[in-house]
Amino acid sequence: MTDYAEEQRNELEAIESIYEDSFTVLTEEPTSFTITVTSDVGEQGEIAEATLKFTYVEKYPDEPPLWEIFSQDNLEDVDAASLLTLLQQQAEENLGMVMIFTLVTAVQEKLNEIVDLMKNRQEEEKQRKEREAEEAEKVTFQGTVVNIENFLLWKAGFELEVAEMRHKKQQKEEEQALKTKLTGKQLFETDHNLDTSDIQFLEEAGNSVEVDESLFQDIEDLDLDEDDPDFDPLGMGSDED
């Protein structure tokens, strides 16, 4: 009869000695632990890393352990999915034997492949952006392709703009025409600034203007008889005395 507990203890001691710097026990019952797996450094200094969590089941190694990606660094979702698929395949192939070392080794090899692919991915991303920039530049130079829908939309907007311009021009012409038809009296009535424009002009020229109201009388108080032969409003008649 297989002593599963003994096999698990022995493997755990071996794993701890192999991965001393990246091995951490999380729980003892059931036994669970993590191992951090890091790829080799790529050409441009790239690395990929995954921390795997394993949990022994009661009949391990006749049954596969539980596993999950506890944390990851510089991995895309598709990379993480490929690691989980790889673990499943390796576990099925190694049933009946302790397999943690085998699983971790397979993951590290896969991480190395992912790092090698990073350069290709970066180049593909660069080329994709260049193609998008070229397409955008072509659209800028070519402009919008004219079809019946966007032409009718442009035509409606253009006609509306022309109509507004004509309306404004007509309003301006009508206002100008109205101003030219106003009499002097209407100009004074509409623009009260004309009442004092002459006085202001003289004052701005430095001439002080003062009006002596005592020199004027009410026109109705004057006794003027234009039919009188001696009527001389300017006082220019001869003095017979």
C-alpha atoms as a PDB file:
ATOM      1  CA  MET A   1       0.000   0.000   0.000  1.00  0.00           C
ATOM      2  CA  THR A   2       1.355   3.409  -1.042  1.00  0.00           C
ATOM      3  CA  ASP A   3       2.247   5.754   1.793  1.00  0.00           C
ATOM      4  CA  TYR A   4       1.164   9.037   0.164  1.00  0.00           C
ATOM      5  CA  ALA A   5       2.054  11.141   3.175  1.00  0.00           C
ATOM      6  CA  GLU A   6       5.619   9.820   3.178  1.00  0.00           C
ATOM      7  CA  GLU A   7       6.120  10.450  -0.530  1.00  0.00           C
ATOM      8  CA  GLN A   8       4.800  13.963  -0.145  1.00  0.00           C
ATOM      9  CA  ARG A   9       7.135  14.725   2.789  1.00  0.00           C
ATOM     10  CA  ASN A  10      10.155  13.431   0.922  1.00  0.00           C
ATOM     11  CA  GLU A  11       9.346  15.441  -2.203  1.00  0.00           C
ATOM     12  CA  LEU A  12       8.700  18.584  -0.168  1.00  0.00           C
ATOM     13  CA  GLU A  13      12.162  18.334   1.428  1.00  0.00           C
ATOM     14  CA  ALA A  14      13.802  17.880  -1.967  1.00  0.00           C
ATOM     15  CA  ILE A  15      11.857  20.776  -3.515  1.00  0.00           C
ATOM     16  CA  GLU A  16      12.770  23.070  -0.649  1.00  0.00           C
ATOM     17  CA  SER A  17      16.464  22.339  -1.102  1.00  0.00           C
ATOM     18  CA  ILE A  18      16.324  22.840  -4.872  1.00  0.00           C
ATOM     19  CA  TYR A  19      14.285  26.052  -4.838  1.00  0.00           C
ATOM     20  CA  GLU A  20      15.482  27.397  -1.525  1.00  0.00           C
ATOM     21  CA  ASP A  21      15.274  31.080  -2.528  1.00  0.00           C
ATOM     22  CA  SER A  22      11.881  30.871  -4.246  1.00  0.00           C
ATOM     23  CA  PHE A  23      10.050  28.262  -2.140  1.00  0.00           C
ATOM     24  CA  THR A  24       7.465  29.205   0.503  1.00  0.00           C
ATOM     25  CA  VAL A  25       5.187  26.914   2.537  1.00  0.00           C
ATOM     26  CA  LEU A  26       1.699  28.399   2.905  1.00  0.00           C
ATOM     27  CA  THR A  27      -0.191  25.715   4.848  1.00  0.00           C
ATOM     28  CA  GLU A  28       0.655  22.320   6.349  1.00  0.00           C
ATOM     29  CA  GLU A  29      -2.771  20.645   6.324  1.00  0.00           C
ATOM     30  CA  PRO A  30      -3.368  20.302   3.473  1.00  0.00           C
ATOM     31  CA  THR A  31       0.176  20.997   2.366  1.00  0.00           C
ATOM     32  CA  SER A  32       0.371  23.980   0.012  1.00  0.00           C
ATOM     33  CA  PHE A  33       3.367  25.983  -1.115  1.00  0.00           C
ATOM     34  CA  THR A  34       4.548  28.403  -3.783  1.00  0.00           C
ATOM     35  CA  ILE A  35       7.533  28.337  -6.115  1.00  0.00           C
ATOM     36  CA  THR A  36       8.558  31.416  -8.094  1.00  0.00           C
ATOM     37  CA  VAL A  37       9.810  30.540 -11.566  1.00  0.00           C
ATOM     38  CA  THR A  38      11.843  33.077 -13.547  1.00  0.00           C
ATOM     39  CA  SER A  39      12.922  32.887 -17.157  1.00  0.00           C
ATOM     40  CA  ASP A  40      16.423  33.475 -18.449  1.00  0.00           C
ATOM     41  CA  VAL A  41      17.195  37.090 -19.396  1.00  0.00           C
ATOM     42  CA  GLY A  42      16.340  37.935 -22.995  1.00  0.00           C
ATOM     43  CA  GLU A  43      18.411  39.827 -25.580  1.00  0.00           C
ATOM     44  CA  GLN A  44      17.015  43.194 -24.505  1.00  0.00           C
ATOM     45  CA  GLY A  45      17.043  42.367 -20.794  1.00  0.00           C
ATOM     46  CA  GLU A  46      13.481  41.014 -20.772  1.00  0.00           C
ATOM     47  CA  ILE A  47      12.362  38.481 -18.184  1.00  0.00           C
ATOM     48  CA  ALA A  48       9.102  36.698 -17.459  1.00  0.00           C
ATOM     49  CA  GLU A  49       8.088  35.400 -14.069  1.00  0.00           C
ATOM     50  CA  ALA A  50       5.301  33.288 -12.587  1.00  0.00           C
ATOM     51  CA  THR A  51       4.712  32.223  -8.999  1.00  0.00           C
ATOM     52  CA  LEU A  52       3.019  28.819  -8.956  1.00  0.00           C
ATOM     53  CA  LYS A  53       0.925  27.586  -6.045  1.00  0.00           C
ATOM     54  CA  PHE A  54       0.675  23.808  -5.514  1.00  0.00           C
ATOM     55  CA  THR A  55      -1.556  21.940  -3.067  1.00  0.00           C
ATOM     56  CA  TYR A  56      -1.192  18.238  -2.361  1.00  0.00           C
ATOM     57  CA  VAL A  57      -4.333  16.135  -2.538  1.00  0.00           C
ATOM     58  CA  GLU A  58      -4.711  13.042  -0.317  1.00  0.00           C
ATOM     59  CA  LYS A  59      -3.653  10.477  -2.962  1.00  0.00           C
ATOM     60  CA  TYR A  60      -0.892  12.479  -4.639  1.00  0.00           C
ATOM     61  CA  PRO A  61       1.091  11.374  -6.685  1.00  0.00           C
ATOM     62  CA  ASP A  62      -1.491   8.907  -7.996  1.00  0.00           C
ATOM     63  CA  GLU A  63      -3.723  11.944  -8.396  1.00  0.00           C
ATOM     64  CA  PRO A  64      -2.415  15.273  -9.700  1.00  0.00           C
ATOM     65  CA  PRO A  65      -1.890  18.140  -7.250  1.00  0.00           C
ATOM     66  CA  LEU A  66      -3.932  21.327  -7.443  1.00  0.00           C
ATOM     67  CA  TRP A  67      -2.191  24.285  -9.013  1.00  0.00           C
ATOM     68  CA  GLU A  68      -2.753  27.917  -9.916  1.00  0.00           C
ATOM     69  CA  ILE A  69      -0.747  30.939 -10.999  1.00  0.00           C
ATOM     70  CA  PHE A  70      -0.392  32.803  -7.711  1.00  0.00           C
ATOM     71  CA  SER A  71       1.167  35.894  -9.342  1.00  0.00           C
ATOM     72  CA  GLN A  72       2.846  36.810 -12.616  1.00  0.00           C
ATOM     73  CA  ASP A  73       5.089  39.459 -14.124  1.00  0.00           C
ATOM     74  CA  ASN A  74       5.508  40.494 -17.754  1.00  0.00           C
ATOM     75  CA  LEU A  75       3.051  37.884 -18.950  1.00  0.00           C
ATOM     76  CA  GLU A  76       0.008  38.439 -21.132  1.00  0.00           C
ATOM     77  CA  ASP A  77      -3.247  36.591 -20.533  1.00  0.00           C
ATOM     78  CA  VAL A  78      -2.540  34.251 -23.425  1.00  0.00           C
ATOM     79  CA  ASP A  79       0.812  33.356 -21.837  1.00  0.00           C
ATOM     80  CA  ALA A  80      -0.794  32.548 -18.488  1.00  0.00           C
ATOM     81  CA  ALA A  81      -3.357  30.367 -20.229  1.00  0.00           C
ATOM     82  CA  SER A  82      -0.609  28.486 -22.057  1.00  0.00           C
ATOM     83  CA  LEU A  83       1.172  27.801 -18.742  1.00  0.00           C
ATOM     84  CA  LEU A  84      -1.974  26.309 -17.205  1.00  0.00           C
ATOM     85  CA  THR A  85      -2.474  24.104 -20.252  1.00  0.00           C
ATOM     86  CA  LEU A  86       1.140  22.964 -20.037  1.00  0.00           C
ATOM     87  CA  LEU A  87       0.746  22.037 -16.352  1.00  0.00           C
ATOM     88  CA  GLN A  88      -2.322  19.961 -17.147  1.00  0.00           C
ATOM     89  CA  GLN A  89      -0.500  18.043 -19.891  1.00  0.00           C
ATOM     90  CA  GLN A  90       2.585  17.369 -17.759  1.00  0.00           C
ATOM     91  CA  ALA A  91       0.506  16.230 -14.789  1.00  0.00           C
ATOM     92  CA  GLU A  92      -1.383  13.701 -16.896  1.00  0.00           C
ATOM     93  CA  GLU A  93       1.875  12.329 -18.318  1.00  0.00           C
ATOM     94  CA  ASN A  94       3.492  11.894 -14.881  1.00  0.00           C
ATOM     95  CA  LEU A  95       0.688  10.370 -12.791  1.00  0.00           C
ATOM     96  CA  GLY A  96       2.024   7.884 -10.214  1.00  0.00           C
ATOM     97  CA  MET A  97       5.325   9.745  -9.804  1.00  0.00           C
ATOM     98  CA  VAL A  98       6.182  12.813  -7.760  1.00  0.00           C
ATOM     99  CA  MET A  99       6.062  15.571 -10.350  1.00  0.00           C
ATOM    100  CA  ILE A 100       6.566  19.043  -8.849  1.00  0.00           C
ATOM    101  CA  PHE A 101      10.128  19.358 -10.151  1.00  0.00           C
ATOM    102  CA  THR A 102       9.001  18.210 -13.604  1.00  0.00           C
ATOM    103  CA  LEU A 103       6.122  20.721 -13.646  1.00  0.00           C
ATOM    104  CA  VAL A 104       8.327  23.619 -12.553  1.00  0.00           C
ATOM    105  CA  THR A 105      11.010  22.741 -15.125  1.00  0.00           C
ATOM    106  CA  ALA A 106       8.413  22.666 -17.907  1.00  0.00           C
ATOM    107  CA  VAL A 107       7.094  26.068 -16.836  1.00  0.00           C
ATOM    108  CA  GLN A 108      10.585  27.584 -16.815  1.00  0.00           C
ATOM    109  CA  GLU A 109      11.252  26.327 -20.349  1.00  0.00           C
ATOM    110  CA  LYS A 110       7.955  27.796 -21.444  1.00  0.00           C
ATOM    111  CA  LEU A 111       8.853  31.159 -19.884  1.00  0.00           C
ATOM    112  CA  ASN A 112      12.115  31.143 -21.844  1.00  0.00           C
ATOM    113  CA  GLU A 113      10.136  30.623 -25.053  1.00  0.00           C
ATOM    114  CA  ILE A 114       7.823  33.486 -24.110  1.00  0.00           C
ATOM    115  CA  VAL A 115      10.798  35.802 -23.575  1.00  0.00           C
ATOM    116  CA  ASP A 116      12.140  34.847 -27.003  1.00  0.00           C
ATOM    117  CA  LEU A 117       8.773  35.721 -28.487  1.00  0.00           C
ATOM    118  CA  MET A 118       8.711  39.130 -26.791  1.00  0.00           C
ATOM    119  CA  LYS A 119      11.136  40.569 -29.350  1.00  0.00           C
ATOM    120  CA  ASN A 120       8.946  39.312 -32.182  1.00  0.00           C
ATOM    121  CA  ARG A 121       5.854  40.716 -30.489  1.00  0.00           C
ATOM    122  CA  GLN A 122       7.508  44.096 -30.043  1.00  0.00           C
ATOM    123  CA  GLU A 123       8.537  44.141 -33.706  1.00  0.00           C
ATOM    124  CA  GLU A 124       5.045  43.152 -34.803  1.00  0.00           C
ATOM    125  CA  GLU A 125       3.546  45.877 -32.603  1.00  0.00           C
ATOM    126  CA  LYS A 126       5.940  48.430 -34.083  1.00  0.00           C
ATOM    127  CA  GLN A 127       4.997  47.395 -37.621  1.00  0.00           C
ATOM    128  CA  ARG A 128       1.298  47.522 -36.759  1.00  0.00           C
ATOM    129  CA  LYS A 129       1.606  51.094 -35.472  1.00  0.00           C
ATOM    130  CA  GLU A 130       3.560  52.108 -38.573  1.00  0.00           C
ATOM    131  CA  ARG A 131       0.826  50.656 -40.816  1.00  0.00           C
ATOM    132  CA  GLU A 132      -1.861  52.496 -38.860  1.00  0.00           C
ATOM    133  CA  ALA A 133       0.095  55.748 -39.167  1.00  0.00           C
ATOM    134  CA  GLU A 134       0.458  55.240 -42.923  1.00  0.00           C
ATOM    135  CA  GLU A 135      -3.255  54.553 -43.300  1.00  0.00           C
ATOM    136  CA  ALA A 136      -4.107  57.655 -41.286  1.00  0.00           C
ATOM    137  CA  GLU A 137      -1.782  59.735 -43.472  1.00  0.00           C
ATOM    138  CA  LYS A 138      -3.431  58.395 -46.630  1.00  0.00           C
ATOM    139  CA  VAL A 139      -6.855  59.342 -45.306  1.00  0.00           C
ATOM    140  CA  THR A 140      -5.565  62.851 -44.535  1.00  0.00           C
ATOM    141  CA  PHE A 141      -4.307  63.387 -48.083  1.00  0.00           C
ATOM    142  CA  GLN A 142      -7.177  61.647 -49.857  1.00  0.00           C
ATOM    143  CA  GLY A 143      -9.905  63.373 -47.890  1.00  0.00           C
ATOM    144  CA  THR A 144     -13.408  62.034 -47.508  1.00  0.00           C
ATOM    145  CA  VAL A 145     -14.817  59.901 -50.297  1.00  0.00           C
ATOM    146  CA  VAL A 146     -17.901  61.664 -51.672  1.00  0.00           C
ATOM    147  CA  ASN A 147     -21.150  59.754 -51.822  1.00  0.00           C
ATOM    148  CA  ILE A 148     -24.750  60.859 -52.210  1.00  0.00           C
ATOM    149  CA  GLU A 149     -25.397  60.935 -48.477  1.00  0.00           C
ATOM    150  CA  ASN A 150     -22.479  63.117 -47.380  1.00  0.00           C
ATOM    151  CA  PHE A 151     -22.864  65.338 -50.477  1.00  0.00           C
ATOM    152  CA  LEU A 152     -26.493  66.119 -49.651  1.00  0.00           C
ATOM    153  CA  LEU A 153     -25.504  66.790 -46.040  1.00  0.00           C
ATOM    154  CA  TRP A 154     -22.766  69.188 -47.148  1.00  0.00           C
ATOM    155  CA  LYS A 155     -25.103  70.877 -49.682  1.00  0.00           C
ATOM    156  CA  ALA A 156     -27.766  71.535 -47.036  1.00  0.00           C
ATOM    157  CA  GLY A 157     -25.218  73.099 -44.700  1.00  0.00           C
ATOM    158  CA  PHE A 158     -23.719  75.206 -47.474  1.00  0.00           C
ATOM    159  CA  GLU A 159     -27.117  76.540 -48.593  1.00  0.00           C
ATOM    160  CA  LEU A 160     -28.003  77.416 -45.014  1.00  0.00           C
ATOM    161  CA  GLU A 161     -24.730  79.320 -44.609  1.00  0.00           C
ATOM    162  CA  VAL A 162     -25.316  81.251 -47.862  1.00  0.00           C
ATOM    163  CA  ALA A 163     -28.876  82.122 -46.811  1.00  0.00           C
ATOM    164  CA  GLU A 164     -27.642  83.484 -43.481  1.00  0.00           C
ATOM    165  CA  MET A 165     -25.008  85.602 -45.237  1.00  0.00           C
ATOM    166  CA  ARG A 166     -27.609  87.018 -47.627  1.00  0.00           C
ATOM    167  CA  HIS A 167     -29.971  87.817 -44.765  1.00  0.00           C
ATOM    168  CA  LYS A 168     -27.273  89.680 -42.872  1.00  0.00           C
ATOM    169  CA  LYS A 169     -26.293  91.608 -46.003  1.00  0.00           C
ATOM    170  CA  GLN A 170     -29.916  92.588 -46.667  1.00  0.00           C
ATOM    171  CA  GLN A 171     -30.356  93.771 -43.082  1.00  0.00           C
ATOM    172  CA  LYS A 172     -27.231  95.898 -43.353  1.00  0.00           C
ATOM    173  CA  GLU A 173     -28.377  97.444 -46.638  1.00  0.00           C
ATOM    174  CA  GLU A 174     -31.820  98.237 -45.221  1.00  0.00           C
ATOM    175  CA  GLU A 175     -30.284  99.898 -42.168  1.00  0.00           C
ATOM    176  CA  GLN A 176     -27.984 101.953 -44.376  1.00  0.00           C
ATOM    177  CA  ALA A 177     -30.843 102.980 -46.652  1.00  0.00           C
ATOM    178  CA  LEU A 178     -32.942 104.020 -43.667  1.00  0.00           C
ATOM    179  CA  LYS A 179     -30.147 106.215 -42.352  1.00  0.00           C
ATOM    180  CA  THR A 180     -29.736 108.017 -45.694  1.00  0.00           C
ATOM    181  CA  LYS A 181     -33.463 108.831 -45.861  1.00  0.00           C
ATOM    182  CA  LEU A 182     -33.675 110.476 -42.437  1.00  0.00           C
ATOM    183  CA  THR A 183     -34.255 114.253 -42.340  1.00  0.00           C
ATOM    184  CA  GLY A 184     -32.152 116.537 -40.168  1.00  0.00           C
ATOM    185  CA  LYS A 185     -34.895 116.612 -37.578  1.00  0.00           C
ATOM    186  CA  GLN A 186     -35.106 112.801 -37.536  1.00  0.00           C
ATOM    187  CA  LEU A 187     -31.346 112.549 -37.152  1.00  0.00           C
ATOM    188  CA  PHE A 188     -31.503 114.836 -34.101  1.00  0.00           C
ATOM    189  CA  GLU A 189     -34.391 112.809 -32.714  1.00  0.00           C
ATOM    190  CA  THR A 190     -32.643 109.470 -33.196  1.00  0.00           C
ATOM    191  CA  ASP A 191     -29.155 110.620 -32.190  1.00  0.00           C
ATOM    192  CA  HIS A 192     -29.180 112.982 -29.191  1.00  0.00           C
ATOM    193  CA  ASN A 193     -25.428 113.345 -29.415  1.00  0.00           C
ATOM    194  CA  LEU A 194     -26.038 115.786 -32.268  1.00  0.00           C
ATOM    195  CA  ASP A 195     -27.635 118.222 -29.804  1.00  0.00           C
ATOM    196  CA  THR A 196     -24.306 119.114 -28.294  1.00  0.00           C
ATOM    197  CA  SER A 197     -21.911 118.071 -31.025  1.00  0.00           C
ATOM    198  CA  ASP A 198     -21.000 121.629 -32.084  1.00  0.00           C
ATOM    199  CA  ILE A 199     -20.437 122.808 -28.525  1.00  0.00           C
ATOM    200  CA  GLN A 200     -18.376 119.730 -27.755  1.00  0.00           C
ATOM    201  CA  PHE A 201     -16.343 120.312 -30.896  1.00  0.00           C
ATOM    202  CA  LEU A 202     -15.544 123.892 -29.823  1.00  0.00           C
ATOM    203  CA  GLU A 203     -14.731 122.844 -26.294  1.00  0.00           C
ATOM    204  CA  GLU A 204     -12.427 120.050 -27.511  1.00  0.00           C
ATOM    205  CA  ALA A 205     -10.686 122.677 -29.667  1.00  0.00           C
ATOM    206  CA  GLY A 206      -9.943 124.706 -26.538  1.00  0.00           C
ATOM    207  CA  ASN A 207     -12.697 127.297 -26.923  1.00  0.00           C
ATOM    208  CA  SER A 208     -14.866 127.799 -23.901  1.00  0.00           C
ATOM    209  CA  VAL A 209     -18.443 128.483 -24.949  1.00  0.00           C
ATOM    210  CA  GLU A 210     -20.776 130.324 -22.608  1.00  0.00           C
ATOM    211  CA  VAL A 211     -24.346 131.269 -23.464  1.00  0.00           C
ATOM    212  CA  ASP A 212     -25.967 134.358 -21.882  1.00  0.00           C
ATOM    213  CA  GLU A 213     -29.629 133.422 -21.774  1.00  0.00           C
ATOM    214  CA  SER A 214     -30.562 137.037 -20.842  1.00  0.00           C
ATOM    215  CA  LEU A 215     -29.802 138.073 -24.413  1.00  0.00           C
ATOM    216  CA  PHE A 216     -32.725 136.029 -25.665  1.00  0.00           C
ATOM    217  CA  GLN A 217     -36.426 136.687 -25.217  1.00  0.00           C
ATOM    218  CA  ASP A 218     -39.451 134.670 -25.817  1.00  0.00           C
ATOM    219  CA  ILE A 219     -40.267 135.038 -29.478  1.00  0.00           C
ATOM    220  CA  GLU A 220     -43.936 135.546 -28.598  1.00  0.00           C
ATOM    221  CA  ASP A 221     -43.088 138.672 -26.510  1.00  0.00           C
ATOM    222  CA  LEU A 222     -41.590 140.500 -29.482  1.00  0.00           C
ATOM    223  CA  ASP A 223     -43.838 142.986 -31.269  1.00  0.00           C
ATOM    224  CA  LEU A 224     -42.786 142.552 -34.850  1.00  0.00           C
ATOM    225  CA  ASP A 225     -44.754 144.128 -37.692  1.00  0.00           C
ATOM    226  CA  GLU A 226     -43.283 143.168 -40.985  1.00  0.00           C
ATOM    227  CA  ASP A 227     -45.863 145.308 -42.857  1.00  0.00           C
ATOM    228  CA  ASP A 228     -44.571 148.465 -41.133  1.00  0.00           C
ATOM    229  CA  PRO A 229     -42.495 150.400 -43.750  1.00  0.00           C
ATOM    230  CA  ASP A 230     -40.191 151.510 -40.964  1.00  0.00           C
ATOM    231  CA  PHE A 231     -39.558 147.854 -39.851  1.00  0.00           C
ATOM    232  CA  ASP A 232     -35.813 147.337 -39.834  1.00  0.00           C
ATOM    233  CA  PRO A 233     -34.907 144.168 -37.873  1.00  0.00           C
ATOM    234  CA  LEU A 234     -31.180 144.663 -38.426  1.00  0.00           C
ATOM    235  CA  GLY A 235     -31.195 148.357 -37.412  1.00  0.00           C
ATOM    236  CA  MET A 236     -29.544 149.465 -40.625  1.00  0.00           C
ATOM    237  CA  GLY A 237     -31.967 152.364 -41.455  1.00  0.00           C
ATOM    238  CA  SER A 238     -30.690 155.908 -41.543  1.00  0.00           C
ATOM    239  CA  ASP A 239     -31.005 158.099 -38.496  1.00  0.00           C
ATOM    240  CA  GLU A 240     -33.055 161.083 -39.612  1.00  0.00           C
ATOM    241  CA  ASP A 241     -32.499 162.753 -36.209  1.00  0.00           C
END
